[in-house]
PDB file of N, CA and C in Angstrom:
ATOM      1  N   UNK A   1     -23.490  70.570 116.253  1.00  0.00           N
ATOM      2  CA  UNK A   1     -23.366  71.409 115.088  1.00  0.00           C
ATOM      3  C   UNK A   1     -23.951  72.776 115.407  1.00  0.00           C
ATOM      4  N   UNK A   2     -23.233  73.822 115.043  1.00  0.00           N
ATOM      5  CA  UNK A   2     -23.659  75.190 115.308  1.00  0.00           C
ATOM      6  C   UNK A   2     -24.431  75.753 114.114  1.00  0.00           C
ATOM      7  N   UNK A   3     -25.462  76.528 114.421  1.00  0.00           N
ATOM      8  CA  UNK A   3     -26.247  77.191 113.389  1.00  0.00           C
ATOM      9  C   UNK A   3     -26.230  78.687 113.664  1.00  0.00           C
ATOM     10  N   UNK A   4     -25.889  79.465 112.661  1.00  0.00           N
ATOM     11  CA  UNK A   4     -25.801  80.905 112.784  1.00  0.00           C
ATOM     12  C   UNK A   4     -27.095  81.545 112.291  1.00  0.00           C
ATOM     13  N   UNK A   5     -27.617  82.476 113.074  1.00  0.00           N
ATOM     14  CA  UNK A   5     -28.793  83.237 112.683  1.00  0.00           C
ATOM     15  C   UNK A   5     -28.381  84.242 111.623  1.00  0.00           C
ATOM     16  N   UNK A   6     -29.191  84.375 110.572  1.00  0.00           N
ATOM     17  CA  UNK A   6     -28.853  85.297 109.497  1.00  0.00           C
ATOM     18  C   UNK A   6     -30.110  85.986 108.983  1.00  0.00           C
ATOM     19  N   UNK A   7     -30.003  87.307 108.802  1.00  0.00           N
ATOM     20  CA  UNK A   7     -31.047  88.070 108.120  1.00  0.00           C
ATOM     21  C   UNK A   7     -30.767  87.968 106.635  1.00  0.00           C
ATOM     22  N   UNK A   8     -31.712  87.424 105.889  1.00  0.00           N
ATOM     23  CA  UNK A   8     -31.522  87.255 104.448  1.00  0.00           C
ATOM     24  C   UNK A   8     -31.892  88.534 103.714  1.00  0.00           C
ATOM     25  N   UNK A   9     -32.852  89.250 104.251  1.00  0.00           N
ATOM     26  CA  UNK A   9     -33.301  90.503 103.642  1.00  0.00           C
ATOM     27  C   UNK A   9     -34.792  90.656 103.813  1.00  0.00           C
ATOM     28  N   UNK A  10     -35.229  91.878 104.044  1.00  0.00           N
ATOM     29  CA  UNK A  10     -36.647  92.110 104.271  1.00  0.00           C
ATOM     30  C   UNK A  10     -37.105  91.380 105.518  1.00  0.00           C
ATOM     31  N   UNK A  11     -38.119  90.554 105.360  1.00  0.00           N
ATOM     32  CA  UNK A  11     -38.653  89.779 106.482  1.00  0.00           C
ATOM     33  C   UNK A  11     -38.190  88.329 106.450  1.00  0.00           C
ATOM     34  N   UNK A  12     -37.114  88.030 105.703  1.00  0.00           N
ATOM     35  CA  UNK A  12     -36.620  86.657 105.549  1.00  0.00           C
ATOM     36  C   UNK A  12     -35.402  86.425 106.438  1.00  0.00           C
ATOM     37  N   UNK A  13     -35.409  85.254 107.092  1.00  0.00           N
ATOM     38  CA  UNK A  13     -34.358  84.903 108.037  1.00  0.00           C
ATOM     39  C   UNK A  13     -33.968  83.436 107.875  1.00  0.00           C
ATOM     40  N   UNK A  14     -32.843  83.061 108.492  1.00  0.00           N
ATOM     41  CA  UNK A  14     -32.381  81.672 108.400  1.00  0.00           C
ATOM     42  C   UNK A  14     -31.490  81.325 109.575  1.00  0.00           C
ATOM     43  N   UNK A  15     -31.398  80.027 109.813  1.00  0.00           N
ATOM     44  CA  UNK A  15     -30.311  79.464 110.594  1.00  0.00           C
ATOM     45  C   UNK A  15     -29.497  78.654 109.611  1.00  0.00           C
ATOM     46  N   UNK A  16     -28.177  78.872 109.614  1.00  0.00           N
ATOM     47  CA  UNK A  16     -27.308  78.223 108.644  1.00  0.00           C
ATOM     48  C   UNK A  16     -26.073  77.638 109.303  1.00  0.00           C
ATOM     49  N   UNK A  17     -25.564  76.603 108.655  1.00  0.00           N
ATOM     50  CA  UNK A  17     -24.236  76.093 108.969  1.00  0.00           C
ATOM     51  C   UNK A  17     -23.437  76.226 107.684  1.00  0.00           C
ATOM     52  N   UNK A  18     -22.388  77.041 107.738  1.00  0.00           N
ATOM     53  CA  UNK A  18     -21.533  77.279 106.572  1.00  0.00           C
ATOM     54  C   UNK A  18     -20.127  76.824 106.927  1.00  0.00           C
ATOM     55  N   UNK A  19     -19.547  76.007 106.054  1.00  0.00           N
ATOM     56  CA  UNK A  19     -18.185  75.519 106.254  1.00  0.00           C
ATOM     57  C   UNK A  19     -17.370  75.822 105.011  1.00  0.00           C
ATOM     58  N   UNK A  20     -16.243  76.511 105.200  1.00  0.00           N
ATOM     59  CA  UNK A  20     -15.362  76.879 104.087  1.00  0.00           C
ATOM     60  C   UNK A  20     -16.124  77.586 102.975  1.00  0.00           C
ATOM     61  N   UNK A  21     -17.045  78.463 103.359  1.00  0.00           N
ATOM     62  CA  UNK A  21     -17.804  79.234 102.395  1.00  0.00           C
ATOM     63  C   UNK A  21     -18.954  78.501 101.729  1.00  0.00           C
ATOM     64  N   UNK A  22     -19.170  77.241 102.096  1.00  0.00           N
ATOM     65  CA  UNK A  22     -20.239  76.437 101.490  1.00  0.00           C
ATOM     66  C   UNK A  22     -21.357  76.227 102.507  1.00  0.00           C
ATOM     67  N   UNK A  23     -22.598  76.511 102.088  1.00  0.00           N
ATOM     68  CA  UNK A  23     -23.744  76.266 102.955  1.00  0.00           C
ATOM     69  C   UNK A  23     -23.960  74.764 103.058  1.00  0.00           C
ATOM     70  N   UNK A  24     -23.827  74.254 104.268  1.00  0.00           N
ATOM     71  CA  UNK A  24     -23.978  72.816 104.505  1.00  0.00           C
ATOM     72  C   UNK A  24     -25.405  72.473 104.947  1.00  0.00           C
ATOM     73  N   UNK A  25     -26.049  73.420 105.623  1.00  0.00           N
ATOM     74  CA  UNK A  25     -27.417  73.185 106.113  1.00  0.00           C
ATOM     75  C   UNK A  25     -28.059  74.534 106.396  1.00  0.00           C
ATOM     76  N   UNK A  26     -29.374  74.614 106.127  1.00  0.00           N
ATOM     77  CA  UNK A  26     -30.089  75.837 106.467  1.00  0.00           C
ATOM     78  C   UNK A  26     -31.582  75.577 106.537  1.00  0.00           C
ATOM     79  N   UNK A  27     -32.226  76.409 107.342  1.00  0.00           N
ATOM     80  CA  UNK A  27     -33.682  76.453 107.401  1.00  0.00           C
ATOM     81  C   UNK A  27     -34.049  77.925 107.298  1.00  0.00           C
ATOM     82  N   UNK A  28     -35.035  78.235 106.437  1.00  0.00           N
ATOM     83  CA  UNK A  28     -35.390  79.630 106.195  1.00  0.00           C
ATOM     84  C   UNK A  28     -36.868  79.869 106.467  1.00  0.00           C
ATOM     85  N   UNK A  29     -37.168  81.129 106.773  1.00  0.00           N
ATOM     86  CA  UNK A  29     -38.553  81.506 107.008  1.00  0.00           C
ATOM     87  C   UNK A  29     -38.749  82.980 106.710  1.00  0.00           C
ATOM     88  N   UNK A  30     -40.002  83.326 106.502  1.00  0.00           N
ATOM     89  CA  UNK A  30     -40.431  84.713 106.393  1.00  0.00           C
ATOM     90  C   UNK A  30     -41.247  85.014 107.634  1.00  0.00           C
ATOM     91  N   UNK A  31     -40.959  86.131 108.256  1.00  0.00           N
ATOM     92  CA  UNK A  31     -41.675  86.525 109.467  1.00  0.00           C
ATOM     93  C   UNK A  31     -42.843  87.428 109.083  1.00  0.00           C
ATOM     94  N   UNK A  32     -44.043  86.942 109.348  1.00  0.00           N
ATOM     95  CA  UNK A  32     -45.265  87.703 109.097  1.00  0.00           C
ATOM     96  C   UNK A  32     -45.932  87.954 110.439  1.00  0.00           C
ATOM     97  N   UNK A  33     -45.766  89.163 110.953  1.00  0.00           N
ATOM     98  CA  UNK A  33     -46.281  89.472 112.290  1.00  0.00           C
ATOM     99  C   UNK A  33     -45.529  88.640 113.311  1.00  0.00           C
ATOM    100  N   UNK A  34     -46.251  87.771 114.016  1.00  0.00           N
ATOM    101  CA  UNK A  34     -45.610  86.892 114.995  1.00  0.00           C
ATOM    102  C   UNK A  34     -45.605  85.436 114.530  1.00  0.00           C
ATOM    103  N   UNK A  35     -45.654  85.234 113.208  1.00  0.00           N
ATOM    104  CA  UNK A  35     -45.650  83.878 112.647  1.00  0.00           C
ATOM    105  C   UNK A  35     -44.438  83.703 111.735  1.00  0.00           C
ATOM    106  N   UNK A  36     -43.673  82.672 112.011  1.00  0.00           N
ATOM    107  CA  UNK A  36     -42.543  82.277 111.160  1.00  0.00           C
ATOM    108  C   UNK A  36     -43.090  81.309 110.110  1.00  0.00           C
ATOM    109  N   UNK A  37     -43.131  81.744 108.859  1.00  0.00           N
ATOM    110  CA  UNK A  37     -43.608  80.891 107.773  1.00  0.00           C
ATOM    111  C   UNK A  37     -42.396  80.106 107.268  1.00  0.00           C
ATOM    112  N   UNK A  38     -42.320  78.847 107.688  1.00  0.00           N
ATOM    113  CA  UNK A  38     -41.153  78.000 107.407  1.00  0.00           C
ATOM    114  C   UNK A  38     -41.230  77.508 105.959  1.00  0.00           C
ATOM    115  N   UNK A  39     -40.323  78.039 105.111  1.00  0.00           N
ATOM    116  CA  UNK A  39     -40.480  77.790 103.683  1.00  0.00           C
ATOM    117  C   UNK A  39     -39.403  76.934 103.033  1.00  0.00           C
ATOM    118  N   UNK A  40     -38.304  76.647 103.731  1.00  0.00           N
ATOM    119  CA  UNK A  40     -37.242  75.881 103.070  1.00  0.00           C
ATOM    120  C   UNK A  40     -36.319  75.253 104.100  1.00  0.00           C
ATOM    121  N   UNK A  41     -35.967  73.997 103.852  1.00  0.00           N
ATOM    122  CA  UNK A  41     -34.955  73.310 104.643  1.00  0.00           C
ATOM    123  C   UNK A  41     -33.998  72.637 103.672  1.00  0.00           C
ATOM    124  N   UNK A  42     -32.701  72.820 103.911  1.00  0.00           N
ATOM    125  CA  UNK A  42     -31.679  72.218 103.047  1.00  0.00           C
ATOM    126  C   UNK A  42     -30.600  71.595 103.913  1.00  0.00           C
ATOM    127  N   UNK A  43     -30.196  70.375 103.534  1.00  0.00           N
ATOM    128  CA  UNK A  43     -29.058  69.709 104.157  1.00  0.00           C
ATOM    129  C   UNK A  43     -28.212  69.140 103.019  1.00  0.00           C
ATOM    130  N   UNK A  44     -26.917  69.442 103.033  1.00  0.00           N
ATOM    131  CA  UNK A  44     -26.030  68.961 101.973  1.00  0.00           C
ATOM    132  C   UNK A  44     -25.960  67.431 101.993  1.00  0.00           C
ATOM    133  N   UNK A  45     -25.636  66.873 100.860  1.00  0.00           N
ATOM    134  CA  UNK A  45     -25.558  65.412 100.750  1.00  0.00           C
ATOM    135  C   UNK A  45     -24.602  64.810 101.766  1.00  0.00           C
ATOM    136  N   UNK A  46     -23.515  65.525 102.060  1.00  0.00           N
ATOM    137  CA  UNK A  46     -22.524  65.013 103.017  1.00  0.00           C
ATOM    138  C   UNK A  46     -23.093  64.832 104.419  1.00  0.00           C
ATOM    139  N   UNK A  47     -24.120  65.612 104.745  1.00  0.00           N
ATOM    140  CA  UNK A  47     -24.672  65.581 106.105  1.00  0.00           C
ATOM    141  C   UNK A  47     -26.012  64.860 106.207  1.00  0.00           C
ATOM    142  N   UNK A  48     -26.572  64.450 105.078  1.00  0.00           N
ATOM    143  CA  UNK A  48     -27.895  63.807 105.112  1.00  0.00           C
ATOM    144  C   UNK A  48     -27.842  62.489 105.864  1.00  0.00           C
ATOM    145  N   UNK A  49     -28.956  62.198 106.541  1.00  0.00           N
ATOM    146  CA  UNK A  49     -29.059  60.960 107.305  1.00  0.00           C
ATOM    147  C   UNK A  49     -28.555  61.088 108.726  1.00  0.00           C
ATOM    148  N   UNK A  50     -28.087  62.267 109.102  1.00  0.00           N
ATOM    149  CA  UNK A  50     -27.538  62.469 110.437  1.00  0.00           C
ATOM    150  C   UNK A  50     -28.431  63.271 111.363  1.00  0.00           C
ATOM    151  N   UNK A  51     -29.675  63.478 110.970  1.00  0.00           N
ATOM    152  CA  UNK A  51     -30.602  64.211 111.819  1.00  0.00           C
ATOM    153  C   UNK A  51     -30.399  65.716 111.812  1.00  0.00           C
ATOM    154  N   UNK A  52     -29.673  66.227 110.820  1.00  0.00           N
ATOM    155  CA  UNK A  52     -29.363  67.656 110.786  1.00  0.00           C
ATOM    156  C   UNK A  52     -30.615  68.491 110.533  1.00  0.00           C
ATOM    157  N   UNK A  53     -31.510  68.034 109.669  1.00  0.00           N
ATOM    158  CA  UNK A  53     -32.733  68.796 109.401  1.00  0.00           C
ATOM    159  C   UNK A  53     -33.553  68.965 110.675  1.00  0.00           C
ATOM    160  N   UNK A  54     -33.641  67.916 111.481  1.00  0.00           N
ATOM    161  CA  UNK A  54     -34.385  68.023 112.742  1.00  0.00           C
ATOM    162  C   UNK A  54     -33.685  68.975 113.700  1.00  0.00           C
ATOM    163  N   UNK A  55     -32.360  68.966 113.725  1.00  0.00           N
ATOM    164  CA  UNK A  55     -31.622  69.898 114.581  1.00  0.00           C
ATOM    165  C   UNK A  55     -31.874  71.339 114.150  1.00  0.00           C
ATOM    166  N   UNK A  56     -31.945  71.572 112.835  1.00  0.00           N
ATOM    167  CA  UNK A  56     -32.275  72.903 112.336  1.00  0.00           C
ATOM    168  C   UNK A  56     -33.669  73.322 112.800  1.00  0.00           C
ATOM    169  N   UNK A  57     -34.631  72.415 112.639  1.00  0.00           N
ATOM    170  CA  UNK A  57     -35.995  72.715 113.053  1.00  0.00           C
ATOM    171  C   UNK A  57     -36.068  72.925 114.558  1.00  0.00           C
ATOM    172  N   UNK A  58     -35.341  72.132 115.321  1.00  0.00           N
ATOM    173  CA  UNK A  58     -35.305  72.318 116.774  1.00  0.00           C
ATOM    174  C   UNK A  58     -34.788  73.710 117.130  1.00  0.00           C
ATOM    175  N   UNK A  59     -33.732  74.152 116.434  1.00  0.00           N
ATOM    176  CA  UNK A  59     -33.167  75.483 116.711  1.00  0.00           C
ATOM    177  C   UNK A  59     -34.166  76.570 116.349  1.00  0.00           C
ATOM    178  N   UNK A  60     -34.850  76.411 115.200  1.00  0.00           N
ATOM    179  CA  UNK A  60     -35.858  77.395 114.797  1.00  0.00           C
ATOM    180  C   UNK A  60     -37.024  77.415 115.786  1.00  0.00           C
ATOM    181  N   UNK A  61     -37.431  76.248 116.274  1.00  0.00           N
ATOM    182  CA  UNK A  61     -38.521  76.173 117.253  1.00  0.00           C
ATOM    183  C   UNK A  61     -38.104  76.847 118.562  1.00  0.00           C
ATOM    184  N   UNK A  62     -36.862  76.660 118.977  1.00  0.00           N
ATOM    185  CA  UNK A  62     -36.370  77.345 120.181  1.00  0.00           C
ATOM    186  C   UNK A  62     -36.404  78.857 119.981  1.00  0.00           C
ATOM    187  N   UNK A  63     -36.014  79.304 118.797  1.00  0.00           N
ATOM    188  CA  UNK A  63     -36.058  80.731 118.470  1.00  0.00           C
ATOM    189  C   UNK A  63     -37.495  81.245 118.554  1.00  0.00           C
ATOM    190  N   UNK A  64     -38.428  80.478 118.014  1.00  0.00           N
ATOM    191  CA  UNK A  64     -39.843  80.857 118.069  1.00  0.00           C
ATOM    192  C   UNK A  64     -40.302  80.979 119.521  1.00  0.00           C
ATOM    193  N   UNK A  65     -39.919  80.026 120.346  1.00  0.00           N
ATOM    194  CA  UNK A  65     -40.317  80.057 121.765  1.00  0.00           C
ATOM    195  C   UNK A  65     -39.710  81.277 122.466  1.00  0.00           C
ATOM    196  N   UNK A  66     -38.439  81.573 122.177  1.00  0.00           N
ATOM    197  CA  UNK A  66     -37.750  82.699 122.808  1.00  0.00           C
ATOM    198  C   UNK A  66     -38.426  84.028 122.487  1.00  0.00           C
ATOM    199  N   UNK A  67     -39.042  84.119 121.299  1.00  0.00           N
ATOM    200  CA  UNK A  67     -39.639  85.375 120.846  1.00  0.00           C
ATOM    201  C   UNK A  67     -41.175  85.353 120.841  1.00  0.00           C
ATOM    202  N   UNK A  68     -41.757  84.292 121.425  1.00  0.00           N
ATOM    203  CA  UNK A  68     -43.213  84.125 121.460  1.00  0.00           C
ATOM    204  C   UNK A  68     -43.832  84.152 120.064  1.00  0.00           C
ATOM    205  N   UNK A  69     -43.147  83.504 119.114  1.00  0.00           N
ATOM    206  CA  UNK A  69     -43.651  83.366 117.755  1.00  0.00           C
ATOM    207  C   UNK A  69     -44.312  82.008 117.591  1.00  0.00           C
ATOM    208  N   UNK A  70     -45.119  81.903 116.559  1.00  0.00           N
ATOM    209  CA  UNK A  70     -45.664  80.618 116.120  1.00  0.00           C
ATOM    210  C   UNK A  70     -45.004  80.280 114.792  1.00  0.00           C
ATOM    211  N   UNK A  71     -45.145  79.025 114.367  1.00  0.00           N
ATOM    212  CA  UNK A  71     -44.534  78.575 113.119  1.00  0.00           C
ATOM    213  C   UNK A  71     -45.609  77.967 112.218  1.00  0.00           C
ATOM    214  N   UNK A  72     -45.605  78.398 110.966  1.00  0.00           N
ATOM    215  CA  UNK A  72     -46.492  77.818 109.964  1.00  0.00           C
ATOM    216  C   UNK A  72     -45.646  76.960 109.035  1.00  0.00           C
ATOM    217  N   UNK A  73     -46.029  75.707 108.886  1.00  0.00           N
ATOM    218  CA  UNK A  73     -45.267  74.764 108.063  1.00  0.00           C
ATOM    219  C   UNK A  73     -45.676  74.884 106.601  1.00  0.00           C
ATOM    220  N   UNK A  74     -44.736  75.293 105.752  1.00  0.00           N
ATOM    221  CA  UNK A  74     -44.930  75.320 104.312  1.00  0.00           C
ATOM    222  C   UNK A  74     -43.962  74.334 103.661  1.00  0.00           C
ATOM    223  N   UNK A  75     -42.727  74.350 104.103  1.00  0.00           N
ATOM    224  CA  UNK A  75     -41.696  73.421 103.628  1.00  0.00           C
ATOM    225  C   UNK A  75     -42.132  71.982 103.911  1.00  0.00           C
ATOM    226  N   UNK A  76     -41.931  71.092 102.948  1.00  0.00           N
ATOM    227  CA  UNK A  76     -42.388  69.704 103.097  1.00  0.00           C
ATOM    228  C   UNK A  76     -41.758  69.014 104.306  1.00  0.00           C
ATOM    229  N   UNK A  77     -40.485  69.311 104.604  1.00  0.00           N
ATOM    230  CA  UNK A  77     -39.859  68.686 105.772  1.00  0.00           C
ATOM    231  C   UNK A  77     -40.558  69.131 107.058  1.00  0.00           C
ATOM    232  N   UNK A  78     -40.826  70.431 107.180  1.00  0.00           N
ATOM    233  CA  UNK A  78     -41.461  70.950 108.396  1.00  0.00           C
ATOM    234  C   UNK A  78     -42.879  70.406 108.534  1.00  0.00           C
ATOM    235  N   UNK A  79     -43.608  70.307 107.417  1.00  0.00           N
ATOM    236  CA  UNK A  79     -44.946  69.712 107.456  1.00  0.00           C
ATOM    237  C   UNK A  79     -44.865  68.295 108.013  1.00  0.00           C
ATOM    238  N   UNK A  80     -43.938  67.503 107.500  1.00  0.00           N
ATOM    239  CA  UNK A  80     -43.769  66.112 107.948  1.00  0.00           C
ATOM    240  C   UNK A  80     -43.382  66.051 109.420  1.00  0.00           C
ATOM    241  N   UNK A  81     -42.442  66.892 109.823  1.00  0.00           N
ATOM    242  CA  UNK A  81     -41.988  66.885 111.218  1.00  0.00           C
ATOM    243  C   UNK A  81     -43.110  67.302 112.163  1.00  0.00           C
ATOM    244  N   UNK A  82     -43.892  68.303 111.770  1.00  0.00           N
ATOM    245  CA  UNK A  82     -45.012  68.741 112.608  1.00  0.00           C
ATOM    246  C   UNK A  82     -46.033  67.623 112.777  1.00  0.00           C
ATOM    247  N   UNK A  83     -46.230  66.833 111.747  1.00  0.00           N
ATOM    248  CA  UNK A  83     -47.165  65.706 111.836  1.00  0.00           C
ATOM    249  C   UNK A  83     -46.595  64.545 112.639  1.00  0.00           C
ATOM    250  N   UNK A  84     -45.288  64.382 112.625  1.00  0.00           N
ATOM    251  CA  UNK A  84     -44.632  63.239 113.258  1.00  0.00           C
ATOM    252  C   UNK A  84     -44.323  63.453 114.737  1.00  0.00           C
ATOM    253  N   UNK A  85     -43.961  64.671 115.116  1.00  0.00           N
ATOM    254  CA  UNK A  85     -43.476  64.934 116.472  1.00  0.00           C
ATOM    255  C   UNK A  85     -44.406  65.885 117.228  1.00  0.00           C
ATOM    256  N   UNK A  86     -44.828  65.477 118.414  1.00  0.00           N
ATOM    257  CA  UNK A  86     -45.690  66.313 119.250  1.00  0.00           C
ATOM    258  C   UNK A  86     -44.927  67.465 119.914  1.00  0.00           C
ATOM    259  N   UNK A  87     -43.598  67.398 119.939  1.00  0.00           N
ATOM    260  CA  UNK A  87     -42.802  68.405 120.650  1.00  0.00           C
ATOM    261  C   UNK A  87     -42.923  69.801 120.052  1.00  0.00           C
ATOM    262  N   UNK A  88     -43.509  69.912 118.852  1.00  0.00           N
ATOM    263  CA  UNK A  88     -43.671  71.219 118.219  1.00  0.00           C
ATOM    264  C   UNK A  88     -45.076  71.784 118.377  1.00  0.00           C
ATOM    265  N   UNK A  89     -45.951  71.074 119.060  1.00  0.00           N
ATOM    266  CA  UNK A  89     -47.346  71.502 119.169  1.00  0.00           C
ATOM    267  C   UNK A  89     -47.488  72.917 119.729  1.00  0.00           C
ATOM    268  N   UNK A  90     -46.596  73.301 120.633  1.00  0.00           N
ATOM    269  CA  UNK A  90     -46.698  74.622 121.261  1.00  0.00           C
ATOM    270  C   UNK A  90     -46.341  75.764 120.320  1.00  0.00           C
ATOM    271  N   UNK A  91     -45.650  75.474 119.215  1.00  0.00           N
ATOM    272  CA  UNK A  91     -45.260  76.551 118.298  1.00  0.00           C
ATOM    273  C   UNK A  91     -46.026  76.531 116.984  1.00  0.00           C
ATOM    274  N   UNK A  92     -46.882  75.545 116.793  1.00  0.00           N
ATOM    275  CA  UNK A  92     -47.656  75.475 115.552  1.00  0.00           C
ATOM    276  C   UNK A  92     -48.641  76.630 115.475  1.00  0.00           C
ATOM    277  N   UNK A  93     -48.691  77.252 114.290  1.00  0.00           N
ATOM    278  CA  UNK A  93     -49.637  78.354 114.080  1.00  0.00           C
ATOM    279  C   UNK A  93     -51.032  77.798 113.845  1.00  0.00           C
TER     280      UNK A  93
END
């Protein structure tokens, strides 16, 4: 599944999957200095249960690594994933 990088406005950004004009999945953050404050994760009902939220977080974590950013978990999904998976330890703020 492909995720498109999008500037939402100001310091807000997202990775999204949009199909036929409908947002199917997205993860959003606000960039504060070199910290991505992860504030929202959404996966449409049609895609739930398929690991899409983790794929979104993986893409955001790769973006953080590419830009030497850290990630602060605010969104409940990201908080849970950060606690569950050690693979994000290098990007945790």
